[in-house]
């Protein structure tokens, strides 16, 4: 530890608890539409609304975590909130609501690389 001559050595050092954003490249898919999930209870207890552009499912991130998702191909980005558990498909890192996928530009292709 470095101390400058102007610091009071009796005071403990101040520690900043900063969260560092993490960036991952993964595949995003979407759920909703006519798959029968509309109105069903999500893992966080809320009812699923495929028209909610903030809903996302992730295997382990805590509920309420805000995640910025960017479509690598188009550069479009959206902020979603982890409200459900998923995905059910291997190699996919996040599932988006139908509305979120539409805003991100991934609905028509189904699965897209995102960061």
N, C-alpha and C. Protein backbone atom coordinates (compact mmCIF):
# COMPACT_ATOMS: atom_id res chain seq x y z
N UNK A 1 0.84 -1.16 0.00
CA UNK A 1 0.00 0.00 0.00
C UNK A 1 0.89 1.24 0.00
N UNK A 2 0.55 2.22 -0.80
CA UNK A 2 1.31 3.46 -0.85
C UNK A 2 0.61 4.52 -0.04
N UNK A 3 1.35 5.21 0.79
CA UNK A 3 0.81 6.32 1.57
C UNK A 3 1.59 7.56 1.23
N UNK A 4 0.89 8.65 0.98
CA UNK A 4 1.60 9.91 0.76
C UNK A 4 1.72 10.62 2.10
N UNK A 5 2.61 11.57 2.18
CA UNK A 5 2.86 12.24 3.45
C UNK A 5 1.66 13.04 3.93
N UNK A 6 0.74 13.36 3.06
CA UNK A 6 -0.43 14.14 3.45
C UNK A 6 -1.57 13.31 4.01
N UNK A 7 -1.48 12.00 4.00
CA UNK A 7 -2.57 11.16 4.48
C UNK A 7 -2.43 10.86 5.95
N UNK A 8 -3.54 10.84 6.64
CA UNK A 8 -3.56 10.45 8.05
C UNK A 8 -3.50 8.93 8.10
N UNK A 9 -2.44 8.39 8.64
CA UNK A 9 -2.26 6.94 8.65
C UNK A 9 -3.20 6.24 9.63
N UNK A 10 -3.89 6.98 10.48
CA UNK A 10 -4.84 6.39 11.43
C UNK A 10 -6.17 6.05 10.74
N UNK A 11 -6.50 6.73 9.67
CA UNK A 11 -7.76 6.48 8.97
C UNK A 11 -7.61 5.29 8.02
N UNK A 12 -8.60 4.39 8.02
CA UNK A 12 -8.53 3.29 7.06
C UNK A 12 -8.71 3.82 5.64
N UNK A 13 -8.11 3.16 4.67
CA UNK A 13 -8.27 3.62 3.28
C UNK A 13 -9.72 3.45 2.84
N UNK A 14 -10.18 4.35 2.00
CA UNK A 14 -11.53 4.28 1.47
C UNK A 14 -11.52 3.35 0.26
N UNK A 15 -12.49 2.45 0.24
CA UNK A 15 -12.58 1.49 -0.85
C UNK A 15 -13.84 1.78 -1.65
N UNK A 16 -13.69 1.91 -2.93
CA UNK A 16 -14.84 2.11 -3.81
C UNK A 16 -15.30 0.75 -4.32
N UNK A 17 -16.57 0.49 -4.19
CA UNK A 17 -17.14 -0.75 -4.70
C UNK A 17 -17.75 -0.46 -6.06
N UNK A 18 -16.98 -0.58 -7.09
CA UNK A 18 -17.43 -0.29 -8.44
C UNK A 18 -17.72 -1.58 -9.18
N UNK A 19 -18.86 -1.61 -9.86
CA UNK A 19 -19.16 -2.77 -10.68
C UNK A 19 -18.58 -2.53 -12.07
N UNK A 20 -17.83 -3.47 -12.53
CA UNK A 20 -17.22 -3.37 -13.85
C UNK A 20 -18.10 -4.10 -14.85
N UNK A 21 -18.54 -3.41 -15.90
CA UNK A 21 -19.37 -4.10 -16.88
C UNK A 21 -18.59 -5.25 -17.53
N UNK A 22 -19.29 -6.33 -17.77
CA UNK A 22 -18.68 -7.47 -18.44
C UNK A 22 -19.29 -7.58 -19.83
N UNK A 23 -18.46 -7.91 -20.78
CA UNK A 23 -18.91 -8.02 -22.17
C UNK A 23 -18.72 -9.46 -22.62
N UNK A 24 -19.77 -10.05 -23.13
CA UNK A 24 -19.73 -11.41 -23.64
C UNK A 24 -20.34 -11.43 -25.02
N UNK A 25 -19.79 -12.27 -25.88
CA UNK A 25 -20.43 -12.52 -27.17
C UNK A 25 -21.18 -13.84 -27.02
N UNK A 26 -22.43 -13.85 -27.43
CA UNK A 26 -23.25 -15.05 -27.32
C UNK A 26 -24.33 -15.04 -28.39
N UNK A 27 -25.16 -16.04 -28.38
CA UNK A 27 -26.30 -16.10 -29.28
C UNK A 27 -27.56 -15.73 -28.51
N UNK A 28 -28.39 -14.89 -29.11
CA UNK A 28 -29.66 -14.51 -28.51
C UNK A 28 -30.78 -15.09 -29.36
N UNK A 29 -31.78 -15.64 -28.69
CA UNK A 29 -32.99 -16.10 -29.37
C UNK A 29 -34.16 -15.39 -28.71
N UNK A 30 -35.37 -15.69 -29.14
CA UNK A 30 -36.52 -15.05 -28.53
C UNK A 30 -37.64 -16.05 -28.30
N UNK A 31 -38.53 -15.69 -27.39
CA UNK A 31 -39.68 -16.53 -27.10
C UNK A 31 -40.91 -15.66 -26.95
N UNK A 32 -42.05 -16.29 -27.10
CA UNK A 32 -43.32 -15.56 -27.10
C UNK A 32 -44.10 -15.94 -28.33
N UNK A 33 -44.79 -15.00 -28.90
CA UNK A 33 -45.56 -15.29 -30.11
C UNK A 33 -46.64 -16.33 -29.85
N UNK A 34 -46.65 -17.37 -30.64
CA UNK A 34 -47.67 -18.41 -30.53
C UNK A 34 -47.18 -19.66 -29.81
N UNK A 35 -46.17 -19.55 -28.97
CA UNK A 35 -45.64 -20.73 -28.30
C UNK A 35 -46.38 -21.10 -27.01
N UNK A 36 -47.41 -20.35 -26.66
CA UNK A 36 -48.20 -20.66 -25.47
C UNK A 36 -47.65 -20.09 -24.18
N UNK A 37 -46.60 -19.30 -24.23
CA UNK A 37 -46.00 -18.78 -23.01
C UNK A 37 -46.65 -17.48 -22.52
N UNK A 38 -47.40 -16.81 -23.38
CA UNK A 38 -48.03 -15.55 -23.00
C UNK A 38 -48.95 -15.74 -21.80
N UNK A 39 -48.74 -14.91 -20.78
CA UNK A 39 -49.56 -14.96 -19.58
C UNK A 39 -49.12 -15.96 -18.54
N UNK A 40 -48.19 -16.83 -18.88
CA UNK A 40 -47.70 -17.82 -17.91
C UNK A 40 -46.75 -17.15 -16.92
N UNK A 41 -46.64 -17.74 -15.75
CA UNK A 41 -45.77 -17.20 -14.72
C UNK A 41 -44.31 -17.45 -15.08
N UNK A 42 -43.51 -16.36 -14.99
CA UNK A 42 -42.08 -16.48 -15.22
C UNK A 42 -41.41 -16.91 -13.92
N UNK A 43 -40.14 -17.21 -13.98
CA UNK A 43 -39.39 -17.67 -12.82
C UNK A 43 -39.35 -16.62 -11.70
N UNK A 44 -39.48 -15.34 -12.03
CA UNK A 44 -39.46 -14.30 -10.99
C UNK A 44 -40.84 -14.05 -10.40
N UNK A 45 -41.87 -14.75 -10.87
CA UNK A 45 -43.22 -14.61 -10.33
C UNK A 45 -44.14 -13.73 -11.15
N UNK A 46 -43.60 -12.92 -12.04
CA UNK A 46 -44.44 -12.06 -12.90
C UNK A 46 -45.05 -12.89 -14.02
N UNK A 47 -46.08 -12.35 -14.65
CA UNK A 47 -46.70 -12.99 -15.82
C UNK A 47 -45.95 -12.54 -17.07
N UNK A 48 -45.70 -13.49 -17.97
CA UNK A 48 -44.95 -13.19 -19.19
C UNK A 48 -45.82 -12.46 -20.19
N UNK A 49 -45.31 -11.35 -20.68
CA UNK A 49 -45.95 -10.57 -21.73
C UNK A 49 -44.97 -10.47 -22.89
N UNK A 50 -45.22 -11.18 -23.99
CA UNK A 50 -44.29 -11.13 -25.12
C UNK A 50 -44.15 -9.75 -25.75
N UNK A 51 -45.07 -8.85 -25.43
CA UNK A 51 -45.01 -7.49 -25.98
C UNK A 51 -44.21 -6.54 -25.08
N UNK A 52 -43.65 -7.05 -23.98
CA UNK A 52 -42.82 -6.24 -23.09
C UNK A 52 -41.39 -6.26 -23.61
N UNK A 53 -40.89 -5.13 -24.11
CA UNK A 53 -39.56 -5.12 -24.71
C UNK A 53 -38.41 -5.15 -23.71
N UNK A 54 -38.72 -5.23 -22.41
CA UNK A 54 -37.65 -5.26 -21.42
C UNK A 54 -37.41 -6.66 -20.86
N UNK A 55 -38.20 -7.65 -21.25
CA UNK A 55 -38.10 -8.98 -20.66
C UNK A 55 -37.04 -9.83 -21.34
N UNK A 56 -36.22 -10.49 -20.50
CA UNK A 56 -35.21 -11.43 -20.99
C UNK A 56 -35.07 -12.58 -19.99
N UNK A 57 -34.60 -13.71 -20.51
CA UNK A 57 -34.34 -14.89 -19.69
C UNK A 57 -32.87 -15.24 -19.79
N UNK A 58 -32.30 -15.59 -18.64
CA UNK A 58 -30.89 -15.97 -18.58
C UNK A 58 -30.75 -17.10 -17.58
N UNK A 59 -29.80 -18.02 -17.80
CA UNK A 59 -29.69 -19.18 -16.91
C UNK A 59 -29.31 -18.87 -15.46
N UNK A 60 -28.51 -17.82 -15.21
CA UNK A 60 -28.05 -17.62 -13.84
C UNK A 60 -27.96 -16.17 -13.36
N UNK A 61 -28.02 -15.17 -14.21
CA UNK A 61 -27.95 -13.80 -13.73
C UNK A 61 -29.12 -13.53 -12.78
N UNK A 62 -28.91 -12.77 -11.72
CA UNK A 62 -29.99 -12.49 -10.77
C UNK A 62 -31.15 -11.75 -11.42
N UNK A 63 -32.37 -12.04 -10.95
CA UNK A 63 -33.54 -11.32 -11.43
C UNK A 63 -33.35 -9.84 -11.14
N UNK A 64 -33.76 -9.02 -12.09
CA UNK A 64 -33.63 -7.57 -11.95
C UNK A 64 -32.35 -7.02 -12.54
N UNK A 65 -31.43 -7.89 -12.96
CA UNK A 65 -30.19 -7.43 -13.58
C UNK A 65 -30.51 -6.78 -14.92
N UNK A 66 -30.02 -5.57 -15.12
CA UNK A 66 -30.19 -4.88 -16.40
C UNK A 66 -29.02 -5.25 -17.31
N UNK A 67 -29.36 -5.61 -18.53
CA UNK A 67 -28.35 -6.06 -19.49
C UNK A 67 -28.51 -5.27 -20.78
N UNK A 68 -27.41 -4.70 -21.26
CA UNK A 68 -27.42 -4.03 -22.56
C UNK A 68 -27.03 -5.06 -23.60
N UNK A 69 -27.90 -5.25 -24.59
CA UNK A 69 -27.68 -6.22 -25.65
C UNK A 69 -27.50 -5.46 -26.96
N UNK A 70 -26.45 -5.81 -27.72
CA UNK A 70 -26.23 -5.19 -29.02
C UNK A 70 -26.14 -6.26 -30.09
N UNK A 71 -26.91 -6.08 -31.14
CA UNK A 71 -26.87 -6.96 -32.31
C UNK A 71 -25.58 -6.66 -33.07
N UNK A 72 -24.69 -7.62 -33.15
CA UNK A 72 -23.39 -7.40 -33.80
C UNK A 72 -23.55 -7.03 -35.27
N UNK A 73 -24.50 -7.65 -35.95
CA UNK A 73 -24.67 -7.41 -37.39
C UNK A 73 -25.19 -6.02 -37.71
N UNK A 74 -26.07 -5.48 -36.87
CA UNK A 74 -26.72 -4.20 -37.20
C UNK A 74 -26.28 -3.04 -36.32
N UNK A 75 -25.71 -3.34 -35.16
CA UNK A 75 -25.33 -2.29 -34.23
C UNK A 75 -26.48 -1.82 -33.34
N UNK A 76 -27.71 -2.30 -33.59
CA UNK A 76 -28.84 -1.91 -32.75
C UNK A 76 -28.64 -2.45 -31.35
N UNK A 77 -29.05 -1.64 -30.36
CA UNK A 77 -28.88 -2.05 -28.96
C UNK A 77 -30.14 -1.75 -28.16
N UNK A 78 -30.40 -2.58 -27.16
CA UNK A 78 -31.53 -2.38 -26.25
C UNK A 78 -31.10 -2.76 -24.84
N UNK A 79 -31.84 -2.24 -23.85
CA UNK A 79 -31.61 -2.64 -22.46
C UNK A 79 -32.78 -3.54 -22.06
N UNK A 80 -32.45 -4.70 -21.50
CA UNK A 80 -33.45 -5.64 -21.02
C UNK A 80 -33.20 -5.93 -19.54
N UNK A 81 -34.19 -6.54 -18.91
CA UNK A 81 -34.10 -6.90 -17.50
C UNK A 81 -34.31 -8.40 -17.38
N UNK A 82 -33.45 -9.07 -16.63
CA UNK A 82 -33.58 -10.51 -16.44
C UNK A 82 -34.78 -10.76 -15.52
N UNK A 83 -35.79 -11.44 -16.10
CA UNK A 83 -37.03 -11.73 -15.36
C UNK A 83 -37.38 -13.21 -15.37
N UNK A 84 -36.67 -13.99 -16.16
CA UNK A 84 -37.03 -15.40 -16.35
C UNK A 84 -35.76 -16.23 -16.47
N UNK A 85 -35.91 -17.53 -16.43
CA UNK A 85 -34.79 -18.45 -16.61
C UNK A 85 -34.86 -19.06 -17.99
N UNK A 86 -33.74 -19.30 -18.57
CA UNK A 86 -33.61 -19.86 -19.91
C UNK A 86 -32.16 -19.68 -20.27
N UNK A 87 -31.71 -20.08 -21.33
CA UNK A 87 -32.42 -20.59 -22.49
C UNK A 87 -32.46 -22.12 -22.42
N UNK A 88 -33.30 -22.67 -23.28
CA UNK A 88 -33.42 -24.13 -23.32
C UNK A 88 -32.54 -24.75 -24.38
N UNK A 89 -31.97 -23.96 -25.23
CA UNK A 89 -31.15 -24.46 -26.34
C UNK A 89 -29.67 -24.31 -26.01
N UNK A 90 -28.87 -25.33 -26.32
CA UNK A 90 -27.42 -25.20 -26.08
C UNK A 90 -26.80 -24.10 -26.94
N UNK A 91 -25.76 -23.49 -26.42
CA UNK A 91 -24.97 -22.45 -27.09
C UNK A 91 -25.69 -21.11 -27.18
N UNK A 92 -26.89 -21.00 -26.64
CA UNK A 92 -27.57 -19.71 -26.62
C UNK A 92 -27.43 -19.12 -25.22
N UNK A 93 -27.08 -17.85 -25.15
CA UNK A 93 -26.80 -17.24 -23.87
C UNK A 93 -27.94 -16.47 -23.25
N UNK A 94 -28.90 -16.01 -24.08
CA UNK A 94 -29.99 -15.21 -23.56
C UNK A 94 -31.21 -15.36 -24.46
N UNK A 95 -32.38 -15.37 -23.85
CA UNK A 95 -33.65 -15.37 -24.58
C UNK A 95 -34.32 -14.02 -24.36
N UNK A 96 -34.81 -13.44 -25.42
CA UNK A 96 -35.49 -12.15 -25.36
C UNK A 96 -36.98 -12.33 -25.59
N UNK A 97 -37.77 -11.42 -25.07
CA UNK A 97 -39.19 -11.43 -25.40
C UNK A 97 -39.33 -11.11 -26.89
N UNK A 98 -40.48 -11.44 -27.43
CA UNK A 98 -40.74 -11.16 -28.85
C UNK A 98 -40.53 -9.68 -29.16
N UNK A 99 -41.05 -8.80 -28.29
CA UNK A 99 -40.92 -7.35 -28.52
C UNK A 99 -39.46 -6.90 -28.46
N UNK A 100 -38.69 -7.47 -27.53
CA UNK A 100 -37.27 -7.11 -27.43
C UNK A 100 -36.52 -7.54 -28.69
N UNK A 101 -36.83 -8.75 -29.18
CA UNK A 101 -36.19 -9.23 -30.41
C UNK A 101 -36.55 -8.36 -31.60
N UNK A 102 -37.78 -7.90 -31.63
CA UNK A 102 -38.21 -7.03 -32.74
C UNK A 102 -37.42 -5.71 -32.70
N UNK A 103 -37.30 -5.11 -31.50
CA UNK A 103 -36.54 -3.86 -31.37
C UNK A 103 -35.07 -4.04 -31.72
N UNK A 104 -34.53 -5.20 -31.39
CA UNK A 104 -33.11 -5.48 -31.65
C UNK A 104 -32.86 -5.87 -33.10
N UNK A 105 -33.94 -6.20 -33.81
CA UNK A 105 -33.80 -6.59 -35.21
C UNK A 105 -33.44 -8.05 -35.39
N UNK A 106 -33.76 -8.89 -34.39
CA UNK A 106 -33.41 -10.30 -34.47
C UNK A 106 -34.65 -11.20 -34.60
N UNK A 107 -35.84 -10.63 -34.58
CA UNK A 107 -37.05 -11.47 -34.60
C UNK A 107 -37.17 -12.27 -35.89
N UNK A 108 -36.95 -11.67 -37.01
CA UNK A 108 -37.14 -12.38 -38.28
C UNK A 108 -36.10 -13.45 -38.53
N UNK A 109 -34.88 -13.27 -38.01
CA UNK A 109 -33.86 -14.30 -38.21
C UNK A 109 -33.85 -15.33 -37.10
N UNK A 110 -34.49 -15.02 -35.96
CA UNK A 110 -34.64 -16.00 -34.88
C UNK A 110 -33.50 -16.04 -33.89
N UNK A 111 -32.29 -16.18 -34.36
CA UNK A 111 -31.09 -16.25 -33.50
C UNK A 111 -30.04 -15.33 -34.08
N UNK A 112 -29.37 -14.57 -33.22
CA UNK A 112 -28.35 -13.65 -33.71
C UNK A 112 -27.20 -13.57 -32.72
N UNK A 113 -26.02 -13.24 -33.23
CA UNK A 113 -24.86 -13.00 -32.37
C UNK A 113 -25.04 -11.61 -31.75
N UNK A 114 -24.84 -11.57 -30.43
CA UNK A 114 -24.97 -10.31 -29.70
C UNK A 114 -23.81 -10.16 -28.73
N UNK A 115 -23.60 -8.93 -28.32
CA UNK A 115 -22.67 -8.65 -27.23
C UNK A 115 -23.42 -7.86 -26.18
